[in-house]
Full PDB file with SEQRES, HELIX, SHEET, SSBOND, CRYST1, ORIGX, SCALE, CONECT and MASTER records, all heavy atoms in Angstrom:
SEQRES   1 A   35  TYR THR VAL LEU VAL ALA VAL VAL LEU VAL ILE VAL LEU          
SEQRES   2 A   35  GLY ALA VAL SER LEU SER LYS MET THR THR ASP LEU LEU          
SEQRES   3 A   35  PRO ASP MET SER PHE GLN TYR ALA LEU                          
HELIX    1 AA1 THR A    2  LYS A   20  1                                  19    
CRYST1    1.000    1.000    1.000  90.00  90.00  90.00 P 1           1          
ORIGX1      1.000000  0.000000  0.000000        0.00000                         
ORIGX2      0.000000  1.000000  0.000000        0.00000                         
ORIGX3      0.000000  0.000000  1.000000        0.00000                         
SCALE1      1.000000  0.000000  0.000000        0.00000                         
SCALE2      0.000000  1.000000  0.000000        0.00000                         
SCALE3      0.000000  0.000000  1.000000        0.00000                         
ATOM      1  N   TYR A   1      47.927  92.126 215.384  1.00  0.00           N  
ATOM      2  CA  TYR A   1      49.362  92.122 215.694  1.00  0.00           C  
ATOM      3  C   TYR A   1      49.919  90.695 215.740  1.00  0.00           C  
ATOM      4  O   TYR A   1      51.066  90.453 215.348  1.00  0.00           O  
ATOM      5  CB  TYR A   1      49.599  92.840 217.032  1.00  0.00           C  
ATOM      6  CG  TYR A   1      49.280  94.325 216.957  1.00  0.00           C  
ATOM      7  CD1 TYR A   1      48.126  94.842 217.559  1.00  0.00           C  
ATOM      8  CD2 TYR A   1      50.157  95.189 216.284  1.00  0.00           C  
ATOM      9  CE1 TYR A   1      47.834  96.186 217.484  1.00  0.00           C  
ATOM     10  CE2 TYR A   1      49.862  96.540 216.219  1.00  0.00           C  
ATOM     11  CZ  TYR A   1      48.713  97.039 216.800  1.00  0.00           C  
ATOM     12  OH  TYR A   1      48.428  98.371 216.718  1.00  0.00           O  
ATOM     13  N   THR A   2      49.103  89.801 216.237  1.00  0.00           N  
ATOM     14  CA  THR A   2      49.558  88.398 216.271  1.00  0.00           C  
ATOM     15  C   THR A   2      49.791  87.857 214.863  1.00  0.00           C  
ATOM     16  O   THR A   2      50.784  87.181 214.585  1.00  0.00           O  
ATOM     17  CB  THR A   2      48.504  87.540 217.002  1.00  0.00           C  
ATOM     18  OG1 THR A   2      48.303  88.053 218.314  1.00  0.00           O  
ATOM     19  CG2 THR A   2      48.981  86.077 217.076  1.00  0.00           C  
ATOM     20  N   VAL A   3      48.863  88.165 213.973  1.00  0.00           N  
ATOM     21  CA  VAL A   3      48.995  87.720 212.569  1.00  0.00           C  
ATOM     22  C   VAL A   3      50.216  88.356 211.928  1.00  0.00           C  
ATOM     23  O   VAL A   3      50.973  87.722 211.188  1.00  0.00           O  
ATOM     24  CB  VAL A   3      47.717  88.067 211.789  1.00  0.00           C  
ATOM     25  CG1 VAL A   3      47.914  87.728 210.303  1.00  0.00           C  
ATOM     26  CG2 VAL A   3      46.535  87.309 212.362  1.00  0.00           C  
ATOM     27  N   LEU A   4      50.428  89.642 212.225  1.00  0.00           N  
ATOM     28  CA  LEU A   4      51.574  90.342 211.638  1.00  0.00           C  
ATOM     29  C   LEU A   4      52.896  89.704 212.088  1.00  0.00           C  
ATOM     30  O   LEU A   4      53.819  89.515 211.295  1.00  0.00           O  
ATOM     31  CB  LEU A   4      51.524  91.826 212.037  1.00  0.00           C  
ATOM     32  CG  LEU A   4      52.676  92.701 211.519  1.00  0.00           C  
ATOM     33  CD1 LEU A   4      52.691  92.707 209.991  1.00  0.00           C  
ATOM     34  CD2 LEU A   4      52.537  94.135 212.064  1.00  0.00           C  
ATOM     35  N   VAL A   5      52.942  89.391 213.408  1.00  0.00           N  
ATOM     36  CA  VAL A   5      54.166  88.764 213.930  1.00  0.00           C  
ATOM     37  C   VAL A   5      54.390  87.397 213.269  1.00  0.00           C  
ATOM     38  O   VAL A   5      55.530  87.030 212.916  1.00  0.00           O  
ATOM     39  CB  VAL A   5      54.073  88.613 215.456  1.00  0.00           C  
ATOM     40  CG1 VAL A   5      55.222  87.762 215.979  1.00  0.00           C  
ATOM     41  CG2 VAL A   5      54.079  89.984 216.121  1.00  0.00           C  
ATOM     42  N   ALA A   6      53.315  86.640 213.066  1.00  0.00           N  
ATOM     43  CA  ALA A   6      53.427  85.327 212.432  1.00  0.00           C  
ATOM     44  C   ALA A   6      53.934  85.459 211.009  1.00  0.00           C  
ATOM     45  O   ALA A   6      54.807  84.682 210.546  1.00  0.00           O  
ATOM     46  CB  ALA A   6      52.091  84.601 212.465  1.00  0.00           C  
ATOM     47  N   VAL A   7      53.403  86.436 210.276  1.00  0.00           N  
ATOM     48  CA  VAL A   7      53.837  86.630 208.880  1.00  0.00           C  
ATOM     49  C   VAL A   7      55.313  87.020 208.822  1.00  0.00           C  
ATOM     50  O   VAL A   7      56.097  86.531 208.013  1.00  0.00           O  
ATOM     51  CB  VAL A   7      52.948  87.685 208.191  1.00  0.00           C  
ATOM     52  CG1 VAL A   7      53.521  88.047 206.822  1.00  0.00           C  
ATOM     53  CG2 VAL A   7      51.529  87.165 208.061  1.00  0.00           C  
ATOM     54  N   VAL A   8      55.679  87.980 209.732  1.00  0.00           N  
ATOM     55  CA  VAL A   8      57.096  88.408 209.754  1.00  0.00           C  
ATOM     56  C   VAL A   8      58.003  87.236 210.096  1.00  0.00           C  
ATOM     57  O   VAL A   8      59.090  87.080 209.522  1.00  0.00           O  
ATOM     58  CB  VAL A   8      57.259  89.574 210.772  1.00  0.00           C  
ATOM     59  CG1 VAL A   8      58.745  89.882 210.966  1.00  0.00           C  
ATOM     60  CG2 VAL A   8      56.513  90.806 210.302  1.00  0.00           C  
ATOM     61  N   LEU A   9      57.571  86.392 211.068  1.00  0.00           N  
ATOM     62  CA  LEU A   9      58.373  85.234 211.463  1.00  0.00           C  
ATOM     63  C   LEU A   9      58.565  84.275 210.297  1.00  0.00           C  
ATOM     64  O   LEU A   9      59.675  83.745 210.072  1.00  0.00           O  
ATOM     65  CB  LEU A   9      57.690  84.521 212.634  1.00  0.00           C  
ATOM     66  CG  LEU A   9      58.448  83.322 213.224  1.00  0.00           C  
ATOM     67  CD1 LEU A   9      59.800  83.762 213.767  1.00  0.00           C  
ATOM     68  CD2 LEU A   9      57.614  82.670 214.326  1.00  0.00           C  
ATOM     69  N   VAL A  10      57.495  84.042 209.534  1.00  0.00           N  
ATOM     70  CA  VAL A  10      57.597  83.151 208.359  1.00  0.00           C  
ATOM     71  C   VAL A  10      58.567  83.705 207.330  1.00  0.00           C  
ATOM     72  O   VAL A  10      59.388  82.995 206.751  1.00  0.00           O  
ATOM     73  CB  VAL A  10      56.209  82.932 207.741  1.00  0.00           C  
ATOM     74  CG1 VAL A  10      56.342  82.225 206.382  1.00  0.00           C  
ATOM     75  CG2 VAL A  10      55.329  82.123 208.667  1.00  0.00           C  
ATOM     76  N   ILE A  11      58.498  85.035 207.122  1.00  0.00           N  
ATOM     77  CA  ILE A  11      59.387  85.666 206.143  1.00  0.00           C  
ATOM     78  C   ILE A  11      60.850  85.546 206.589  1.00  0.00           C  
ATOM     79  O   ILE A  11      61.751  85.224 205.805  1.00  0.00           O  
ATOM     80  CB  ILE A  11      58.993  87.127 205.917  1.00  0.00           C  
ATOM     81  CG1 ILE A  11      57.610  87.214 205.257  1.00  0.00           C  
ATOM     82  CG2 ILE A  11      60.041  87.852 205.082  1.00  0.00           C  
ATOM     83  CD1 ILE A  11      57.062  88.627 205.146  1.00  0.00           C  
ATOM     84  N   VAL A  12      61.083  85.806 207.875  1.00  0.00           N  
ATOM     85  CA  VAL A  12      62.449  85.751 208.404  1.00  0.00           C  
ATOM     86  C   VAL A  12      62.997  84.325 208.299  1.00  0.00           C  
ATOM     87  O   VAL A  12      64.128  84.104 207.846  1.00  0.00           O  
ATOM     88  CB  VAL A  12      62.497  86.240 209.852  1.00  0.00           C  
ATOM     89  CG1 VAL A  12      63.874  85.980 210.464  1.00  0.00           C  
ATOM     90  CG2 VAL A  12      62.169  87.722 209.911  1.00  0.00           C  
ATOM     91  N   LEU A  13      62.205  83.353 208.766  1.00  0.00           N  
ATOM     92  CA  LEU A  13      62.651  81.963 208.697  1.00  0.00           C  
ATOM     93  C   LEU A  13      62.862  81.520 207.250  1.00  0.00           C  
ATOM     94  O   LEU A  13      63.809  80.774 206.936  1.00  0.00           O  
ATOM     95  CB  LEU A  13      61.632  81.047 209.370  1.00  0.00           C  
ATOM     96  CG  LEU A  13      61.508  81.184 210.895  1.00  0.00           C  
ATOM     97  CD1 LEU A  13      60.392  80.299 211.433  1.00  0.00           C  
ATOM     98  CD2 LEU A  13      62.832  80.855 211.566  1.00  0.00           C  
ATOM     99  N   GLY A  14      62.019  81.981 206.323  1.00  0.00           N  
ATOM    100  CA  GLY A  14      62.196  81.650 204.908  1.00  0.00           C  
ATOM    101  C   GLY A  14      63.482  82.217 204.354  1.00  0.00           C  
ATOM    102  O   GLY A  14      64.197  81.551 203.590  1.00  0.00           O  
ATOM    103  N   ALA A  15      63.781  83.478 204.751  1.00  0.00           N  
ATOM    104  CA  ALA A  15      65.023  84.103 204.271  1.00  0.00           C  
ATOM    105  C   ALA A  15      66.249  83.365 204.805  1.00  0.00           C  
ATOM    106  O   ALA A  15      67.238  83.145 204.090  1.00  0.00           O  
ATOM    107  CB  ALA A  15      65.052  85.572 204.683  1.00  0.00           C  
ATOM    108  N   VAL A  16      66.201  82.975 206.105  1.00  0.00           N  
ATOM    109  CA  VAL A  16      67.331  82.245 206.691  1.00  0.00           C  
ATOM    110  C   VAL A  16      67.508  80.889 206.007  1.00  0.00           C  
ATOM    111  O   VAL A  16      68.629  80.466 205.673  1.00  0.00           O  
ATOM    112  CB  VAL A  16      67.120  82.071 208.199  1.00  0.00           C  
ATOM    113  CG1 VAL A  16      68.191  81.147 208.780  1.00  0.00           C  
ATOM    114  CG2 VAL A  16      67.147  83.419 208.895  1.00  0.00           C  
ATOM    115  N   SER A  17      66.395  80.194 205.782  1.00  0.00           N  
ATOM    116  CA  SER A  17      66.467  78.886 205.136  1.00  0.00           C  
ATOM    117  C   SER A  17      66.998  79.005 203.717  1.00  0.00           C  
ATOM    118  O   SER A  17      67.797  78.169 203.254  1.00  0.00           O  
ATOM    119  CB  SER A  17      65.085  78.224 205.125  1.00  0.00           C  
ATOM    120  OG  SER A  17      64.608  78.029 206.427  1.00  0.00           O  
ATOM    121  N   LEU A  18      66.569  80.049 203.028  1.00  0.00           N  
ATOM    122  CA  LEU A  18      67.033  80.252 201.653  1.00  0.00           C  
ATOM    123  C   LEU A  18      68.537  80.485 201.588  1.00  0.00           C  
ATOM    124  O   LEU A  18      69.227  80.001 200.688  1.00  0.00           O  
ATOM    125  CB  LEU A  18      66.273  81.421 201.019  1.00  0.00           C  
ATOM    126  CG  LEU A  18      66.607  81.722 199.541  1.00  0.00           C  
ATOM    127  CD1 LEU A  18      66.244  80.516 198.662  1.00  0.00           C  
ATOM    128  CD2 LEU A  18      65.862  82.964 199.066  1.00  0.00           C  
ATOM    129  N   SER A  19      69.033  81.226 202.575  1.00  0.00           N  
ATOM    130  CA  SER A  19      70.471  81.530 202.579  1.00  0.00           C  
ATOM    131  C   SER A  19      71.324  80.294 202.884  1.00  0.00           C  
ATOM    132  O   SER A  19      72.492  80.214 202.511  1.00  0.00           O  
ATOM    133  CB  SER A  19      70.775  82.633 203.590  1.00  0.00           C  
ATOM    134  OG  SER A  19      70.471  82.164 204.908  1.00  0.00           O  
ATOM    135  N   LYS A  20      70.769  79.359 203.626  1.00  0.00           N  
ATOM    136  CA  LYS A  20      71.517  78.156 203.991  1.00  0.00           C  
ATOM    137  C   LYS A  20      71.258  76.976 203.063  1.00  0.00           C  
ATOM    138  O   LYS A  20      71.877  75.916 203.192  1.00  0.00           O  
ATOM    139  CB  LYS A  20      71.169  77.750 205.427  1.00  0.00           C  
ATOM    140  CG  LYS A  20      71.624  78.761 206.467  1.00  0.00           C  
ATOM    141  CD  LYS A  20      71.315  78.282 207.860  1.00  0.00           C  
ATOM    142  CE  LYS A  20      71.857  79.236 208.896  1.00  0.00           C  
ATOM    143  NZ  LYS A  20      73.336  79.310 208.863  1.00  0.00           N  
ATOM    144  N   MET A  21      70.387  77.106 202.098  1.00  0.00           N  
ATOM    145  CA  MET A  21      70.037  76.006 201.187  1.00  0.00           C  
ATOM    146  C   MET A  21      71.125  75.855 200.114  1.00  0.00           C  
ATOM    147  O   MET A  21      71.574  76.837 199.538  1.00  0.00           O  
ATOM    148  CB  MET A  21      68.683  76.281 200.522  1.00  0.00           C  
ATOM    149  CG  MET A  21      68.205  75.139 199.633  1.00  0.00           C  
ATOM    150  SD  MET A  21      66.607  75.516 198.898  1.00  0.00           S  
ATOM    151  CE  MET A  21      65.583  75.579 200.367  1.00  0.00           C  
ATOM    152  N   THR A  22      71.574  74.592 199.895  1.00  0.00           N  
ATOM    153  CA  THR A  22      72.567  74.305 198.849  1.00  0.00           C  
ATOM    154  C   THR A  22      71.876  73.665 197.656  1.00  0.00           C  
ATOM    155  O   THR A  22      70.863  72.977 197.801  1.00  0.00           O  
ATOM    156  CB  THR A  22      73.650  73.365 199.378  1.00  0.00           C  
ATOM    157  OG1 THR A  22      73.049  72.147 199.815  1.00  0.00           O  
ATOM    158  CG2 THR A  22      74.413  74.004 200.527  1.00  0.00           C  
ATOM    159  N   THR A  23      72.441  73.897 196.486  1.00  0.00           N  
ATOM    160  CA  THR A  23      71.879  73.326 195.255  1.00  0.00           C  
ATOM    161  C   THR A  23      72.874  72.322 194.676  1.00  0.00           C  
ATOM    162  O   THR A  23      74.084  72.442 194.851  1.00  0.00           O  
ATOM    163  CB  THR A  23      71.584  74.420 194.229  1.00  0.00           C  
ATOM    164  OG1 THR A  23      72.802  75.099 193.922  1.00  0.00           O  
ATOM    165  CG2 THR A  23      70.563  75.408 194.772  1.00  0.00           C  
ATOM    166  N   ASP A  24      72.355  71.323 193.985  1.00  0.00           N  
ATOM    167  CA  ASP A  24      73.194  70.294 193.373  1.00  0.00           C  
ATOM    168  C   ASP A  24      72.532  69.888 192.065  1.00  0.00           C  
ATOM    169  O   ASP A  24      71.364  69.497 192.037  1.00  0.00           O  
ATOM    170  CB  ASP A  24      73.331  69.087 194.304  1.00  0.00           C  
ATOM    171  CG  ASP A  24      74.428  68.139 193.837  1.00  0.00           C  
ATOM    172  OD1 ASP A  24      74.879  68.276 192.684  1.00  0.00           O  
ATOM    173  OD2 ASP A  24      74.825  67.268 194.631  1.00  0.00           O  
ATOM    174  N   LEU A  25      73.317  69.996 190.974  1.00  0.00           N  
ATOM    175  CA  LEU A  25      72.769  69.614 189.676  1.00  0.00           C  
ATOM    176  C   LEU A  25      72.407  68.136 189.646  1.00  0.00           C  
ATOM    177  O   LEU A  25      71.390  67.728 189.077  1.00  0.00           O  
ATOM    178  CB  LEU A  25      73.778  69.932 188.566  1.00  0.00           C  
ATOM    179  CG  LEU A  25      73.349  69.583 187.135  1.00  0.00           C  
ATOM    180  CD1 LEU A  25      72.105  70.379 186.742  1.00  0.00           C  
ATOM    181  CD2 LEU A  25      74.485  69.866 186.160  1.00  0.00           C  
ATOM    182  N   LEU A  26      73.252  67.326 190.278  1.00  0.00           N  
ATOM    183  CA  LEU A  26      73.008  65.891 190.372  1.00  0.00           C  
ATOM    184  C   LEU A  26      73.049  65.492 191.835  1.00  0.00           C  
ATOM    185  O   LEU A  26      74.095  65.058 192.353  1.00  0.00           O  
ATOM    186  CB  LEU A  26      74.052  65.105 189.571  1.00  0.00           C  
ATOM    187  CG  LEU A  26      74.069  65.367 188.067  1.00  0.00           C  
ATOM    188  CD1 LEU A  26      75.254  64.667 187.430  1.00  0.00           C  
ATOM    189  CD2 LEU A  26      72.766  64.891 187.435  1.00  0.00           C  
ATOM    190  N   PRO A  27      71.979  65.640 192.571  1.00  0.00           N  
ATOM    191  CA  PRO A  27      71.979  65.348 194.005  1.00  0.00           C  
ATOM    192  C   PRO A  27      72.225  63.871 194.270  1.00  0.00           C  
ATOM    193  O   PRO A  27      71.916  63.006 193.456  1.00  0.00           O  
ATOM    194  CB  PRO A  27      70.562  65.758 194.438  1.00  0.00           C  
ATOM    195  CG  PRO A  27      69.746  65.660 193.202  1.00  0.00           C  
ATOM    196  CD  PRO A  27      70.635  66.051 192.077  1.00  0.00           C  
ATOM    197  N   ASP A  28      72.818  63.605 195.424  1.00  0.00           N  
ATOM    198  CA  ASP A  28      73.102  62.238 195.842  1.00  0.00           C  
ATOM    199  C   ASP A  28      71.797  61.557 196.236  1.00  0.00           C  
ATOM    200  O   ASP A  28      71.143  61.953 197.195  1.00  0.00           O  
ATOM    201  CB  ASP A  28      74.083  62.248 197.011  1.00  0.00           C  
ATOM    202  CG  ASP A  28      74.514  60.837 197.385  1.00  0.00           C  
ATOM    203  OD1 ASP A  28      74.278  59.921 196.567  1.00  0.00           O  
ATOM    204  OD2 ASP A  28      75.071  60.664 198.482  1.00  0.00           O  
ATOM    205  N   MET A  29      71.432  60.557 195.468  1.00  0.00           N  
ATOM    206  CA  MET A  29      70.187  59.824 195.712  1.00  0.00           C  
ATOM    207  C   MET A  29      70.506  58.355 195.910  1.00  0.00           C  
ATOM    208  O   MET A  29      71.478  57.835 195.362  1.00  0.00           O  
ATOM    209  CB  MET A  29      69.218  59.998 194.538  1.00  0.00           C  
ATOM    210  CG  MET A  29      68.834  61.447 194.264  1.00  0.00           C  
ATOM    211  SD  MET A  29      67.884  61.604 192.750  1.00  0.00           S  
ATOM    212  CE  MET A  29      66.465  60.582 193.115  1.00  0.00           C  
ATOM    213  N   SER A  30      69.698  57.711 196.655  1.00  0.00           N  
ATOM    214  CA  SER A  30      69.901  56.284 196.913  1.00  0.00           C  
ATOM    215  C   SER A  30      68.701  55.513 196.410  1.00  0.00           C  
ATOM    216  O   SER A  30      67.562  55.783 196.813  1.00  0.00           O  
ATOM    217  CB  SER A  30      70.101  56.041 198.413  1.00  0.00           C  
ATOM    218  OG  SER A  30      70.224  54.660 198.668  1.00  0.00           O  
ATOM    219  N   PHE A  31      68.959  54.562 195.506  1.00  0.00           N  
ATOM    220  CA  PHE A  31      67.905  53.687 195.002  1.00  0.00           C  
ATOM    221  C   PHE A  31      67.928  52.395 195.799  1.00  0.00           C  
ATOM    222  O   PHE A  31      68.995  51.894 196.164  1.00  0.00           O  
ATOM    223  CB  PHE A  31      68.103  53.373 193.524  1.00  0.00           C  
ATOM    224  CG  PHE A  31      67.825  54.545 192.623  1.00  0.00           C  
ATOM    225  CD1 PHE A  31      68.170  54.494 191.281  1.00  0.00           C  
ATOM    226  CD2 PHE A  31      67.208  55.689 193.097  1.00  0.00           C  
ATOM    227  CE1 PHE A  31      67.908  55.551 190.440  1.00  0.00           C  
ATOM    228  CE2 PHE A  31      66.942  56.766 192.269  1.00  0.00           C  
ATOM    229  CZ  PHE A  31      67.297  56.699 190.935  1.00  0.00           C  
ATOM    230  N   GLN A  32      66.777  51.849 196.030  1.00  0.00           N  
ATOM    231  CA  GLN A  32      66.662  50.618 196.819  1.00  0.00           C  
ATOM    232  C   GLN A  32      66.768  49.384 195.914  1.00  0.00           C  
ATOM    233  O   GLN A  32      65.963  48.464 195.981  1.00  0.00           O  
ATOM    234  CB  GLN A  32      65.347  50.608 197.597  1.00  0.00           C  
ATOM    235  CG  GLN A  32      65.147  51.798 198.520  1.00  0.00           C  
ATOM    236  CD  GLN A  32      66.257  51.920 199.535  1.00  0.00           C  
ATOM    237  OE1 GLN A  32      67.224  52.655 199.338  1.00  0.00           O  
ATOM    238  NE2 GLN A  32      66.123  51.173 200.633  1.00  0.00           N  
ATOM    239  N   TYR A  33      67.776  49.397 195.063  1.00  0.00           N  
ATOM    240  CA  TYR A  33      67.974  48.279 194.137  1.00  0.00           C  
ATOM    241  C   TYR A  33      69.421  47.779 194.228  1.00  0.00           C  
ATOM    242  O   TYR A  33      70.347  48.538 194.515  1.00  0.00           O  
ATOM    243  CB  TYR A  33      67.696  48.696 192.688  1.00  0.00           C  
ATOM    244  CG  TYR A  33      66.244  48.945 192.379  1.00  0.00           C  
ATOM    245  CD1 TYR A  33      65.676  50.208 192.586  1.00  0.00           C  
ATOM    246  CD2 TYR A  33      65.434  47.931 191.873  1.00  0.00           C  
ATOM    247  CE1 TYR A  33      64.344  50.452 192.293  1.00  0.00           C  
ATOM    248  CE2 TYR A  33      64.095  48.172 191.571  1.00  0.00           C  
ATOM    249  CZ  TYR A  33      63.573  49.418 191.787  1.00  0.00           C  
ATOM    250  OH  TYR A  33      62.251  49.653 191.489  1.00  0.00           O  
ATOM    251  N   ALA A  34      69.576  46.495 193.943  1.00  0.00           N  
ATOM    252  CA  ALA A  34      70.917  45.897 193.854  1.00  0.00           C  
ATOM    253  C   ALA A  34      70.898  44.837 192.752  1.00  0.00           C  
ATOM    254  O   ALA A  34      69.863  44.202 192.496  1.00  0.00           O  
ATOM    255  CB  ALA A  34      71.323  45.265 195.186  1.00  0.00           C  
ATOM    256  N   LEU A  35      72.044  44.696 192.079  1.00  0.00           N  
ATOM    257  CA  LEU A  35      72.180  43.699 191.020  1.00  0.00           C  
ATOM    258  C   LEU A  35      73.199  42.649 191.453  1.00  0.00           C  
ATOM    259  O   LEU A  35      74.227  42.966 192.057  1.00  0.00           O  
ATOM    260  CB  LEU A  35      72.655  44.346 189.717  1.00  0.00           C  
ATOM    261  CG  LEU A  35      71.783  45.449 189.106  1.00  0.00           C  
ATOM    262  CD1 LEU A  35      72.455  45.997 187.858  1.00  0.00           C  
ATOM    263  CD2 LEU A  35      70.400  44.912 188.780  1.00  0.00           C  
TER     264      LEU A  35                                                      
MASTER        0    0    0    1    0    0    0    6  263    1    0    3          
END                                                                             
């Protein structure tokens, strides 16, 4: 039962994270360079 609860918790948290995740074709990245 403990293992089952852990698996269900992982699935639930994964579903919540997936629903709140945003996608970006060109994500904002910062390079440590200057000219």
